[in-house]
Protein backbone atom coordinates (compact mmCIF):
# COMPACT_ATOMS: atom_id res chain seq x y z
CA UNK A 1 0.00 0.00 0.00
CA UNK A 2 1.55 3.33 0.92
CA UNK A 3 5.26 3.52 1.83
CA UNK A 4 6.44 4.93 5.13
CA UNK A 5 6.73 8.69 5.01
CA UNK A 6 8.26 11.09 7.46
CA UNK A 7 5.76 13.23 9.33
CA UNK A 8 5.80 16.98 9.04
CA UNK A 9 4.43 19.77 11.19
CA UNK A 10 4.06 23.21 9.68
CA UNK A 11 4.68 26.33 11.76
CA UNK A 12 2.06 28.97 12.23
CA UNK A 13 1.71 31.43 15.09
CA UNK A 14 -1.44 33.49 15.39
CA UNK A 15 -2.58 35.82 18.17
CA UNK A 16 -5.77 34.41 19.69
CA UNK A 17 -7.75 36.99 21.66
CA UNK A 18 -11.22 35.56 22.09
CA UNK A 19 -12.58 33.89 25.22
CA UNK A 20 -15.32 31.31 24.92
CA UNK A 21 -18.23 30.53 27.17
CA UNK A 22 -20.18 27.63 25.75
CA UNK A 23 -23.38 25.92 26.73
CA UNK A 24 -25.36 23.22 24.90
CA UNK A 25 -26.37 24.00 21.34
CA UNK A 26 -29.79 23.71 19.85
CA UNK A 27 -30.32 22.61 16.26
CA UNK A 28 -28.66 24.93 13.77
CA UNK A 29 -27.27 27.43 16.29
CA UNK A 30 -23.93 29.11 16.92
CA UNK A 31 -22.37 30.01 20.22
CA UNK A 32 -19.42 32.28 20.88
CA UNK A 33 -18.07 35.16 22.92
CA UNK A 34 -16.60 38.57 22.32
CA UNK A 35 -12.96 39.65 22.56
CA UNK A 36 -11.02 39.25 25.76
CA UNK A 37 -8.30 41.41 27.23
CA UNK A 38 -5.93 38.49 27.58
CA UNK A 39 -2.91 38.48 25.27
CA UNK A 40 -0.56 35.93 23.77
CA UNK A 41 1.95 36.25 26.62
CA UNK A 42 -0.54 34.42 28.82
CA UNK A 43 -1.27 31.80 26.16
CA UNK A 44 1.70 29.57 26.85
CA UNK A 45 1.40 25.79 27.25
CA UNK A 46 4.80 24.33 26.29
CA UNK A 47 4.23 20.97 27.99
CA UNK A 48 0.86 20.53 26.29
CA UNK A 49 2.34 21.50 22.91
CA UNK A 50 5.19 19.01 23.34
CA UNK A 51 2.77 16.22 24.19
CA UNK A 52 0.53 17.14 21.25
CA UNK A 53 3.46 17.16 18.83
CA UNK A 54 4.55 13.69 19.94
CA UNK A 55 1.01 12.32 19.61
CA UNK A 56 0.59 13.82 16.14
CA UNK A 57 3.90 12.39 14.94
CA UNK A 58 2.82 8.91 16.06
CA UNK A 59 -0.57 9.25 14.40
CA UNK A 60 0.94 10.32 11.08
CA UNK A 61 2.96 7.14 10.69
CA UNK A 62 1.70 4.69 8.09
CA UNK A 63 1.85 1.24 9.68
CA UNK A 64 3.57 -1.48 7.65
CA UNK A 65 1.44 -4.41 8.77
CA UNK A 66 -2.06 -5.54 9.74
CA UNK A 67 -2.63 -5.72 13.48
CA UNK A 68 -6.25 -6.85 13.39
CA UNK A 69 -7.73 -10.35 13.72
CA UNK A 70 -6.03 -13.24 11.96
CA UNK A 71 -8.18 -16.10 13.26
CA UNK A 72 -11.91 -16.76 13.15
CA UNK A 73 -14.62 -18.94 11.63
CA UNK A 74 -14.69 -19.83 7.96
CA UNK A 75 -17.33 -18.15 5.82
CA UNK A 76 -20.92 -19.22 6.43
CA UNK A 77 -22.49 -19.44 2.96
CA UNK A 78 -25.64 -17.86 1.57
CA UNK A 79 -26.15 -14.84 3.84
CA UNK A 80 -28.03 -11.64 2.98
CA UNK A 81 -27.12 -8.35 4.64
CA UNK A 82 -29.00 -5.04 4.56
CA UNK A 83 -27.08 -1.83 5.25
CA UNK A 84 -29.45 0.87 6.54
CA UNK A 85 -27.69 4.19 5.91
CA UNK A 86 -28.35 7.38 7.86
CA UNK A 87 -27.82 9.22 4.59
CA UNK A 88 -25.65 8.32 1.63
CA UNK A 89 -24.72 12.00 1.35
CA UNK A 90 -22.61 11.43 4.49
CA UNK A 91 -19.26 10.37 2.97
CA UNK A 92 -18.34 8.20 5.95
CA UNK A 93 -21.63 6.29 5.85
CA UNK A 94 -21.26 5.85 2.10
CA UNK A 95 -17.61 4.80 2.38
CA UNK A 96 -18.38 2.13 4.96
CA UNK A 97 -21.24 0.89 2.78
CA UNK A 98 -18.87 0.55 -0.16
CA UNK A 99 -16.49 -1.43 2.04
CA UNK A 100 -19.35 -3.78 2.96
CA UNK A 101 -20.17 -4.26 -0.72
CA UNK A 102 -16.53 -4.98 -1.51
CA UNK A 103 -16.24 -7.51 1.31
CA UNK A 104 -19.51 -9.18 0.28
CA UNK A 105 -18.00 -10.04 -3.09
CA UNK A 106 -15.08 -11.70 -1.33
CA UNK A 107 -17.13 -13.70 1.16
CA UNK A 108 -19.90 -14.55 -1.31
CA UNK A 109 -22.88 -12.81 0.32
CA UNK A 110 -25.61 -10.53 -1.00
CA UNK A 111 -25.79 -6.94 0.26
CA UNK A 112 -28.46 -4.30 -0.19
CA UNK A 113 -28.10 -0.66 0.87
CA UNK A 114 -31.21 1.36 1.83
CA UNK A 115 -30.81 5.13 2.20
CA UNK A 116 -32.55 6.76 5.17
CA UNK A 117 -32.21 10.20 3.54
CA UNK A 118 -30.98 11.82 6.76
CA UNK A 119 -34.36 12.27 8.47
CA UNK A 120 -35.90 10.31 11.37
CA UNK A 121 -38.90 9.35 9.25
CA UNK A 122 -36.69 8.29 6.36
CA UNK A 123 -34.42 6.21 8.58
CA UNK A 124 -37.38 4.52 10.26
CA UNK A 125 -38.90 3.71 6.88
CA UNK A 126 -35.59 2.34 5.63
CA UNK A 127 -35.22 0.12 8.69
CA UNK A 128 -38.78 -1.14 8.32
CA UNK A 129 -38.05 -1.95 4.69
CA UNK A 130 -34.94 -3.83 5.78
CA UNK A 131 -36.95 -5.91 8.26
CA UNK A 132 -39.51 -6.75 5.58
CA UNK A 133 -36.71 -8.34 3.55
CA UNK A 134 -35.99 -10.79 6.40
CA UNK A 135 -32.22 -10.53 5.98
CA UNK A 136 -29.56 -12.53 7.82
CA UNK A 137 -28.23 -9.35 9.41
CA UNK A 138 -28.74 -5.58 9.43
CA UNK A 139 -26.14 -2.81 9.63
CA UNK A 140 -27.10 0.37 11.49
CA UNK A 141 -25.10 2.80 9.38
CA UNK A 142 -24.30 6.01 11.20
CA UNK A 143 -27.50 6.81 13.10
CA UNK A 144 -28.70 6.59 16.68
CA UNK A 145 -30.59 3.29 17.17
CA UNK A 146 -32.95 5.12 19.53
CA UNK A 147 -34.48 6.68 16.41
CA UNK A 148 -35.61 3.20 15.41
CA UNK A 149 -36.24 1.62 18.80
CA UNK A 150 -39.32 -0.28 17.60
CA UNK A 151 -37.50 -1.69 14.59
CA UNK A 152 -34.47 -2.61 16.73
CA UNK A 153 -36.75 -4.44 19.17
CA UNK A 154 -38.39 -6.32 16.30
CA UNK A 155 -35.00 -7.31 14.86
CA UNK A 156 -33.92 -8.55 18.27
CA UNK A 157 -37.15 -10.55 18.61
CA UNK A 158 -36.55 -12.10 15.19
CA UNK A 159 -32.95 -12.91 16.20
CA UNK A 160 -31.55 -10.84 13.34
CA UNK A 161 -28.06 -9.74 14.41
CA UNK A 162 -27.50 -5.99 14.35
CA UNK A 163 -24.08 -4.44 13.82
CA UNK A 164 -23.56 -0.72 14.13
CA UNK A 165 -21.21 1.57 12.28
CA UNK A 166 -20.86 4.74 14.39
CA UNK A 167 -24.22 3.80 15.93
CA UNK A 168 -23.22 4.28 19.58
CA UNK A 169 -20.34 6.09 21.26
CA UNK A 170 -18.10 3.12 21.96
CA UNK A 171 -16.75 0.25 19.88
CA UNK A 172 -17.77 -3.30 20.75
CA UNK A 173 -21.00 -5.01 21.86
CA UNK A 174 -23.93 -3.01 23.19
CA UNK A 175 -26.72 -4.18 25.50
CA UNK A 176 -28.95 -1.10 25.19
CA UNK A 177 -29.55 -0.99 22.28
CA UNK A 178 -28.81 -4.64 21.67
CA UNK A 179 -26.04 -4.76 19.06
CA UNK A 180 -23.73 -7.69 18.37
CA UNK A 181 -21.00 -5.06 18.06
CA UNK A 182 -20.39 -1.47 16.98
CA UNK A 183 -17.60 -0.61 14.55
CA UNK A 184 -15.82 2.70 15.08
CA UNK A 185 -12.53 4.13 16.14
CA UNK A 186 -12.60 5.32 19.73
CA UNK A 187 -14.26 8.71 19.68
CA UNK A 188 -12.06 9.86 22.57
CA UNK A 189 -8.94 9.13 20.52
CA UNK A 190 -10.27 10.85 17.39
CA UNK A 191 -11.35 13.94 19.31
CA UNK A 192 -8.07 14.17 21.19
CA UNK A 193 -5.78 13.76 18.19
CA UNK A 194 -7.68 16.31 16.10
CA UNK A 195 -7.43 18.87 18.90
CA UNK A 196 -3.78 17.90 19.44
CA UNK A 197 -3.12 18.63 15.76
CA UNK A 198 -4.45 22.18 16.22
CA UNK A 199 -2.37 22.65 19.37
CA UNK A 200 0.78 21.31 17.72
CA UNK A 201 0.34 22.98 14.33
CA UNK A 202 -0.37 26.37 15.94
CA UNK A 203 2.31 25.97 18.63
CA UNK A 204 -0.34 26.70 21.21
CA UNK A 205 -1.77 29.90 19.70
CA UNK A 206 -5.07 29.46 17.83
CA UNK A 207 -8.54 30.88 17.45
CA UNK A 208 -10.70 27.86 16.72
CA UNK A 209 -14.19 27.12 15.41
CA UNK A 210 -15.77 23.69 15.93
CA UNK A 211 -18.42 22.38 13.53
CA UNK A 212 -20.77 19.68 14.82
CA UNK A 213 -24.16 18.03 14.37
CA UNK A 214 -25.90 18.04 17.74
CA UNK A 215 -28.74 15.91 16.38
CA UNK A 216 -26.40 12.89 16.35
CA UNK A 217 -25.33 11.88 19.90
CA UNK A 218 -22.09 10.35 18.60
CA UNK A 219 -21.16 13.60 16.84
CA UNK A 220 -22.23 15.77 19.77
CA UNK A 221 -20.10 13.73 22.15
CA UNK A 222 -17.14 14.01 19.78
CA UNK A 223 -17.35 17.80 19.64
CA UNK A 224 -17.60 18.02 23.44
CA UNK A 225 -14.41 15.94 23.72
CA UNK A 226 -12.69 18.13 21.12
CA UNK A 227 -13.51 21.24 23.14
CA UNK A 228 -12.26 19.60 26.31
CA UNK A 229 -8.89 18.81 24.73
CA UNK A 230 -8.53 22.27 23.17
CA UNK A 231 -9.06 23.74 26.64
CA UNK A 232 -5.89 22.04 27.91
CA UNK A 233 -3.88 24.79 26.19
CA UNK A 234 -4.54 28.31 27.43
CA UNK A 235 -3.43 29.87 24.16
CA UNK A 236 -6.00 27.96 22.10
CA UNK A 237 -9.27 29.83 22.24
CA UNK A 238 -12.66 28.50 21.19
CA UNK A 239 -14.27 31.26 19.15
CA UNK A 240 -17.53 29.47 18.34
CA UNK A 241 -19.25 26.13 17.97
CA UNK A 242 -21.45 25.83 14.88
CA UNK A 243 -24.27 23.28 15.05
CA UNK A 244 -25.19 22.37 11.48
CA UNK A 245 -26.90 19.02 10.80
CA UNK A 246 -24.93 16.97 8.29
CA UNK A 247 -28.01 16.72 6.08
CA UNK A 248 -28.07 20.55 5.91
CA UNK A 249 -24.37 21.26 5.34
CA UNK A 250 -24.66 22.25 1.69
CA UNK A 251 -27.41 24.79 2.34
CA UNK A 252 -26.24 26.20 5.68
CA UNK A 253 -22.45 26.00 5.89
CA UNK A 254 -21.55 28.69 3.29
CA UNK A 255 -23.73 31.29 5.02
CA UNK A 256 -22.43 30.37 8.47
CA UNK A 257 -18.82 30.52 7.30
CA UNK A 258 -19.38 33.97 5.82
CA UNK A 259 -20.87 35.08 9.14
CA UNK A 260 -17.90 33.68 11.06
CA UNK A 261 -15.45 35.49 8.79
CA UNK A 262 -17.34 38.73 9.38
CA UNK A 263 -17.39 38.22 13.16
CA UNK A 264 -13.85 37.01 13.77
CA UNK A 265 -11.87 38.01 10.66
CA UNK A 266 -8.19 37.05 11.07
CA UNK A 267 -8.71 35.85 14.64
CA UNK A 268 -10.23 32.67 13.17
CA UNK A 269 -7.13 30.60 12.41
CA UNK A 270 -8.22 26.94 12.87
CA UNK A 271 -11.31 24.77 12.46
CA UNK A 272 -12.23 21.26 13.56
CA UNK A 273 -15.30 19.55 12.11
CA UNK A 274 -16.81 16.26 13.23
CA UNK A 275 -17.04 15.32 9.55
CA UNK A 276 -14.99 16.41 6.52
CA UNK A 277 -18.12 17.31 4.56
CA UNK A 278 -18.31 20.68 6.33
CA UNK A 279 -15.14 21.83 4.60
CA UNK A 280 -16.43 20.88 1.16
CA UNK A 281 -19.26 23.33 1.78
CA UNK A 282 -17.06 25.91 3.54
CA UNK A 283 -14.62 26.21 0.63
CA UNK A 284 -16.77 28.46 -1.61
CA UNK A 285 -17.29 31.00 1.18
CA UNK A 286 -13.60 30.97 2.11
CA UNK A 287 -12.66 31.38 -1.54
CA UNK A 288 -15.12 34.25 -1.96
CA UNK A 289 -13.48 35.97 1.02
CA UNK A 290 -10.12 35.68 -0.80
CA UNK A 291 -8.72 33.31 1.77
CA UNK A 292 -5.76 31.26 0.58
CA UNK A 293 -6.51 27.55 0.18
CA UNK A 294 -3.33 26.56 2.03
CA UNK A 295 -3.61 29.30 4.65
CA UNK A 296 -5.70 30.14 7.71
CA UNK A 297 -8.14 29.02 8.82
CA UNK A 298 -6.34 25.67 8.83
CA UNK A 299 -9.01 22.97 8.82
CA UNK A 300 -8.95 19.39 10.14
CA UNK A 301 -11.75 16.87 9.87
CA UNK A 302 -12.21 14.77 13.00
CA UNK A 303 -13.63 11.79 11.22
CA UNK A 304 -14.30 9.82 8.06
CA UNK A 305 -11.62 10.96 5.59
CA UNK A 306 -13.62 10.62 2.39
CA UNK A 307 -11.94 10.98 -1.04
CA UNK A 308 -12.98 14.61 -1.48
CA UNK A 309 -11.27 15.47 1.82
CA UNK A 310 -8.03 13.92 0.58
CA UNK A 311 -8.38 15.84 -2.68
CA UNK A 312 -8.71 19.12 -0.77
CA UNK A 313 -5.76 18.23 1.44
CA UNK A 314 -3.48 17.13 -1.38
CA UNK A 315 -4.27 20.21 -3.47
CA UNK A 316 -4.08 22.67 -0.55
CA UNK A 317 -7.68 23.76 -0.92
CA UNK A 318 -9.17 24.77 2.44
CA UNK A 319 -8.38 21.57 4.34
CA UNK A 320 -5.03 20.74 5.89
CA UNK A 321 -5.66 17.39 7.59
CA UNK A 322 -8.15 14.68 8.42
CA UNK A 323 -8.42 11.94 11.02
CA UNK A 324 -9.76 9.33 8.61
CA UNK A 325 -11.68 6.22 9.45
CA UNK A 326 -10.37 3.22 7.51
CA UNK A 327 -13.78 3.03 5.85
CA UNK A 328 -13.16 0.10 3.54
CA UNK A 329 -11.45 -1.91 6.28
CA UNK A 330 -14.38 -1.24 8.59
CA UNK A 331 -16.76 -2.52 5.92
CA UNK A 332 -14.77 -5.74 5.77
CA UNK A 333 -14.77 -5.93 9.56
CA UNK A 334 -18.56 -5.56 9.61
CA UNK A 335 -18.96 -8.69 7.49
CA UNK A 336 -16.36 -10.56 9.53
CA UNK A 337 -18.27 -9.70 12.71
CA UNK A 338 -21.52 -10.94 11.12
CA UNK A 339 -19.75 -14.17 10.20
CA UNK A 340 -18.71 -14.59 13.83
CA UNK A 341 -22.30 -13.94 14.94
CA UNK A 342 -23.66 -16.53 12.47
CA UNK A 343 -21.06 -19.00 13.73
CA UNK A 344 -21.98 -18.54 17.39
CA UNK A 345 -18.68 -16.86 18.24
CA UNK A 346 -18.07 -13.56 20.07
CA UNK A 347 -17.04 -10.39 18.24
CA UNK A 348 -13.37 -9.92 17.40
CA UNK A 349 -12.86 -6.90 19.66
CA UNK A 350 -10.68 -5.16 17.09
CA UNK A 351 -10.62 -1.35 17.10
CA UNK A 352 -8.66 0.52 14.43
CA UNK A 353 -6.10 3.01 15.81
CA UNK A 354 -6.35 6.71 14.97
CA UNK A 355 -4.41 8.10 12.04
CA UNK A 356 -3.79 11.61 10.70
CA UNK A 357 -3.51 12.21 6.97
CA UNK A 358 -1.97 15.37 5.52
CA UNK A 359 -0.37 16.25 2.20
CA UNK A 360 2.94 15.22 3.79
CA UNK A 361 2.03 11.57 4.31
CA UNK A 362 -0.87 10.77 1.97
CA UNK A 363 1.31 10.50 -1.15
CA UNK A 364 -1.60 11.60 -3.30
CA UNK A 365 -3.94 8.83 -2.12
CA UNK A 366 -7.64 9.62 -1.73
CA UNK A 367 -8.41 7.33 1.20
CA UNK A 368 -6.79 5.88 4.31
CA UNK A 369 -6.59 2.21 3.45
CA UNK A 370 -4.27 0.40 5.88
CA UNK A 371 -2.43 -2.61 4.50
CA UNK A 372 -3.08 -6.30 5.00
CA UNK A 373 -6.72 -6.59 6.05
CA UNK A 374 -8.13 -7.97 2.81
CA UNK A 375 -5.68 -10.87 2.73
CA UNK A 376 -6.19 -11.47 6.45
CA UNK A 377 -9.98 -11.65 6.22
CA UNK A 378 -9.89 -13.81 3.08
CA UNK A 379 -7.63 -16.23 4.91
CA UNK A 380 -9.96 -16.30 7.93
CA UNK A 381 -12.98 -16.92 5.71
CA UNK A 382 -11.25 -19.52 3.54
CA UNK A 383 -11.87 -17.38 0.46
């Protein structure tokens, strides 16, 4: 796959002079505070910066080998899986679905994807449609199972195994809701490393905006953890938190970005979004404001790492980094976990480690695709 590349940290020092007082966000709202009298002399956190730099350097390394499962049951034949997607406009949801399709070809199963269109009613209808198909297993793709509690209960009653992708906060099995397992990187690790990148890249001096979707508990929790880590450095100030539902990013993000530029001007030097898609929709507004694609605000996506994010990163167009999920690998893991469920075995327990991709270590690739997993899963399945 990709060769080992040395990691690189750019240097940028910006004066951050905004204090933040944040409470919970309602749908589609922004919170922020006015200028503070504190200056950069007080914004010193050398120990925090040193720790952040070390963590970022580790996360930027491209591992040479597969460290996931190498043993498990052989493929159970003739299974049918339905992937219920929160919305296929979410690049992470779509990327994981494509990984499931790819793995299905290898293991010899049928897969159908049903798009929930990003609304509670649409997701409930999609899940009901999945149940009507009486599949061998159902994937909860990127939405809160509480939205479909009746359908989840029915699936449990029918003994249809459920596997989540970003369905609950933590990886592994879940009792409430009842999931055989949930596939995700650890949200704490993703949140921390994305905030660490801002701390390290700015050398502890940044005015930061966080973009989130408070309608998704997983995303809301991630943004809260991001803010917590940013607060460990006194020189990194939270200017605002923008709550824009992922399903509304294309219509709402450009206007909100223009408003942020008007409010904070050059004090806004960094952004973290819970999903890369925000920066696809922020780019036109930043370009219209004559911001440089490779300049401030420096943007990092705390999750997913879809191809368009890599294209922006590699071309220096309004995104500097992403903390990508290994979407294809997670799709393969989903089918391996189903195979374990069908075979009466426990889940593998594997959780992918966090990784940071930048132009310095992506080598022009458009996805984070760690090496070795395809061969490992084929060997496990006897395929």
